[in-house]
Amino acid sequence: MFGDLMGMMGKLKETQEKVEATKKRLDSVLIDDQSNDGLLKVTLTANRTIKKIEIAPSLLEDKEQLEDYLIITINQAVSKASEINETELGAVAKEGMPNIPGMDLFK
């Protein structure tokens, strides 16, 4: 019984290390998104850190339009980054979970 418990604890620690390594790797995965007309471009990491914003000069003339573009485009990029982040971390976590009867957390 204790051997099983120690094995599970070891596997959980290994999984935690893999999750941390995956988080670090996701810092280098870049997501590019842009407005439909290409006037605003955003680059962020899969960990949802903004790295770059490119704004067409024409958008600088209308503050409200620029704000709308920023909100829409950044939200689109964050949504894509979140999907990648959750998929990657979920796969690592699921892979490392011990098989405990009745604990089907990831179906």
C-alpha atoms as a PDB file:
ATOM      1  CA  MET A   1       0.000   0.000   0.000  1.00  0.00           C
ATOM      2  CA  PHE A   2       2.746   2.458   0.935  1.00  0.00           C
ATOM      3  CA  GLY A   3       4.656   1.543  -2.219  1.00  0.00           C
ATOM      4  CA  ASP A   4       1.626   2.515  -4.299  1.00  0.00           C
ATOM      5  CA  LEU A   5       1.278   5.746  -2.353  1.00  0.00           C
ATOM      6  CA  MET A   6       4.955   6.583  -2.782  1.00  0.00           C
ATOM      7  CA  GLY A   7       4.698   5.774  -6.491  1.00  0.00           C
ATOM      8  CA  MET A   8       1.702   8.086  -6.856  1.00  0.00           C
ATOM      9  CA  MET A   9       3.489  10.865  -4.963  1.00  0.00           C
ATOM     10  CA  GLY A  10       6.513  10.484  -7.235  1.00  0.00           C
ATOM     11  CA  LYS A  11       4.328  10.594 -10.316  1.00  0.00           C
ATOM     12  CA  LEU A  12       2.540  13.706  -9.042  1.00  0.00           C
ATOM     13  CA  LYS A  13       5.884  15.434  -8.442  1.00  0.00           C
ATOM     14  CA  GLU A  14       7.037  14.445 -11.937  1.00  0.00           C
ATOM     15  CA  THR A  15       3.798  15.807 -13.385  1.00  0.00           C
ATOM     16  CA  GLN A  16       4.231  19.071 -11.496  1.00  0.00           C
ATOM     17  CA  GLU A  17       7.725  19.430 -12.971  1.00  0.00           C
ATOM     18  CA  LYS A  18       6.367  18.737 -16.467  1.00  0.00           C
ATOM     19  CA  VAL A  19       3.630  21.349 -15.962  1.00  0.00           C
ATOM     20  CA  GLU A  20       6.232  23.933 -14.934  1.00  0.00           C
ATOM     21  CA  ALA A  21       8.407  23.059 -17.949  1.00  0.00           C
ATOM     22  CA  THR A  22       5.370  23.380 -20.221  1.00  0.00           C
ATOM     23  CA  LYS A  23       4.524  26.797 -18.750  1.00  0.00           C
ATOM     24  CA  LYS A  24       8.073  27.929 -19.429  1.00  0.00           C
ATOM     25  CA  ARG A  25       7.924  26.587 -22.998  1.00  0.00           C
ATOM     26  CA  LEU A  26       4.626  28.402 -23.591  1.00  0.00           C
ATOM     27  CA  ASP A  27       6.461  31.691 -22.944  1.00  0.00           C
ATOM     28  CA  SER A  28       8.175  31.138 -26.291  1.00  0.00           C
ATOM     29  CA  VAL A  29       5.019  30.180 -28.233  1.00  0.00           C
ATOM     30  CA  LEU A  30       3.846  33.345 -30.000  1.00  0.00           C
ATOM     31  CA  ILE A  31       0.309  34.021 -31.180  1.00  0.00           C
ATOM     32  CA  ASP A  32      -0.224  36.702 -33.821  1.00  0.00           C
ATOM     33  CA  ASP A  33      -3.650  38.171 -34.390  1.00  0.00           C
ATOM     34  CA  GLN A  34      -4.925  41.184 -36.258  1.00  0.00           C
ATOM     35  CA  SER A  35      -8.056  43.156 -36.919  1.00  0.00           C
ATOM     36  CA  ASN A  36     -10.084  42.115 -39.953  1.00  0.00           C
ATOM     37  CA  ASP A  37      -8.643  44.954 -42.020  1.00  0.00           C
ATOM     38  CA  GLY A  38      -5.079  44.481 -40.740  1.00  0.00           C
ATOM     39  CA  LEU A  39      -4.838  47.972 -39.210  1.00  0.00           C
ATOM     40  CA  LEU A  40      -3.990  46.594 -35.764  1.00  0.00           C
ATOM     41  CA  LYS A  41      -1.713  43.629 -35.066  1.00  0.00           C
ATOM     42  CA  VAL A  42      -1.048  41.997 -31.703  1.00  0.00           C
ATOM     43  CA  THR A  43       1.553  39.410 -30.715  1.00  0.00           C
ATOM     44  CA  LEU A  44       1.420  37.632 -27.375  1.00  0.00           C
ATOM     45  CA  THR A  45       2.721  34.465 -25.778  1.00  0.00           C
ATOM     46  CA  ALA A  46       0.635  31.371 -25.086  1.00  0.00           C
ATOM     47  CA  ASN A  47       0.925  32.451 -21.435  1.00  0.00           C
ATOM     48  CA  ARG A  48      -1.003  35.591 -22.439  1.00  0.00           C
ATOM     49  CA  THR A  49       1.804  38.160 -22.162  1.00  0.00           C
ATOM     50  CA  ILE A  50       1.588  40.880 -24.803  1.00  0.00           C
ATOM     51  CA  LYS A  51       4.864  41.170 -26.716  1.00  0.00           C
ATOM     52  CA  LYS A  52       4.040  43.601 -29.511  1.00  0.00           C
ATOM     53  CA  ILE A  53       1.275  45.860 -30.799  1.00  0.00           C
ATOM     54  CA  GLU A  54       1.420  47.413 -34.275  1.00  0.00           C
ATOM     55  CA  ILE A  55      -0.995  50.266 -35.039  1.00  0.00           C
ATOM     56  CA  ALA A  56      -1.609  51.694 -38.493  1.00  0.00           C
ATOM     57  CA  PRO A  57      -1.170  55.491 -38.530  1.00  0.00           C
ATOM     58  CA  SER A  58      -4.782  55.979 -39.679  1.00  0.00           C
ATOM     59  CA  LEU A  59      -6.049  54.522 -36.395  1.00  0.00           C
ATOM     60  CA  LEU A  60      -4.174  57.152 -34.407  1.00  0.00           C
ATOM     61  CA  GLU A  61      -6.555  59.812 -35.700  1.00  0.00           C
ATOM     62  CA  ASP A  62      -9.626  58.362 -33.955  1.00  0.00           C
ATOM     63  CA  LYS A  63      -9.170  57.541 -30.271  1.00  0.00           C
ATOM     64  CA  GLU A  64     -12.496  55.706 -29.884  1.00  0.00           C
ATOM     65  CA  GLN A  65     -11.924  53.594 -32.982  1.00  0.00           C
ATOM     66  CA  LEU A  66      -8.413  52.691 -31.763  1.00  0.00           C
ATOM     67  CA  GLU A  67      -9.781  51.686 -28.357  1.00  0.00           C
ATOM     68  CA  ASP A  68     -12.408  49.477 -30.022  1.00  0.00           C
ATOM     69  CA  TYR A  69      -9.774  47.854 -32.229  1.00  0.00           C
ATOM     70  CA  LEU A  70      -7.522  47.215 -29.235  1.00  0.00           C
ATOM     71  CA  ILE A  71     -10.286  45.598 -27.205  1.00  0.00           C
ATOM     72  CA  ILE A  72     -11.504  43.347 -30.001  1.00  0.00           C
ATOM     73  CA  THR A  73      -8.091  42.295 -31.312  1.00  0.00           C
ATOM     74  CA  ILE A  74      -6.479  41.752 -27.911  1.00  0.00           C
ATOM     75  CA  ASN A  75      -9.466  39.718 -26.721  1.00  0.00           C
ATOM     76  CA  GLN A  76      -9.274  37.546 -29.868  1.00  0.00           C
ATOM     77  CA  ALA A  77      -5.556  36.943 -29.316  1.00  0.00           C
ATOM     78  CA  VAL A  78      -6.010  36.202 -25.604  1.00  0.00           C
ATOM     79  CA  SER A  79      -8.755  33.715 -26.445  1.00  0.00           C
ATOM     80  CA  LYS A  80      -6.459  31.879 -28.881  1.00  0.00           C
ATOM     81  CA  ALA A  81      -3.588  31.933 -26.379  1.00  0.00           C
ATOM     82  CA  SER A  82      -5.858  30.622 -23.608  1.00  0.00           C
ATOM     83  CA  GLU A  83      -7.014  27.745 -25.793  1.00  0.00           C
ATOM     84  CA  ILE A  84      -3.424  26.731 -26.565  1.00  0.00           C
ATOM     85  CA  ASN A  85      -2.387  27.159 -22.926  1.00  0.00           C
ATOM     86  CA  GLU A  86      -5.258  25.087 -21.550  1.00  0.00           C
ATOM     87  CA  THR A  87      -4.806  22.354 -24.159  1.00  0.00           C
ATOM     88  CA  GLU A  88      -1.074  22.021 -23.516  1.00  0.00           C
ATOM     89  CA  LEU A  89      -1.281  22.138 -19.722  1.00  0.00           C
ATOM     90  CA  GLY A  90      -4.337  19.865 -19.681  1.00  0.00           C
ATOM     91  CA  ALA A  91      -2.526  17.246 -21.731  1.00  0.00           C
ATOM     92  CA  VAL A  92       0.469  17.265 -19.378  1.00  0.00           C
ATOM     93  CA  ALA A  93      -1.725  17.119 -16.277  1.00  0.00           C
ATOM     94  CA  LYS A  94      -3.874  14.304 -17.654  1.00  0.00           C
ATOM     95  CA  GLU A  95      -0.825  12.288 -18.672  1.00  0.00           C
ATOM     96  CA  GLY A  96       0.595  12.434 -15.156  1.00  0.00           C
ATOM     97  CA  MET A  97      -2.513  11.744 -13.114  1.00  0.00           C
ATOM     98  CA  PRO A  98      -2.476   8.438 -11.274  1.00  0.00           C
ATOM     99  CA  ASN A  99      -5.259   6.008 -12.142  1.00  0.00           C
ATOM    100  CA  ILE A 100      -7.496   6.201  -9.077  1.00  0.00           C
ATOM    101  CA  PRO A 101     -10.839   4.434  -9.423  1.00  0.00           C
ATOM    102  CA  GLY A 102     -13.755   6.872  -9.348  1.00  0.00           C
ATOM    103  CA  MET A 103     -11.509   9.864 -10.015  1.00  0.00           C
ATOM    104  CA  ASP A 104     -12.116  10.331 -13.734  1.00  0.00           C
ATOM    105  CA  LEU A 105     -11.363  14.041 -13.668  1.00  0.00           C
ATOM    106  CA  PHE A 106     -10.371  14.325 -17.317  1.00  0.00           C
ATOM    107  CA  LYS A 107     -12.903  12.740 -19.640  1.00  0.00           C
END
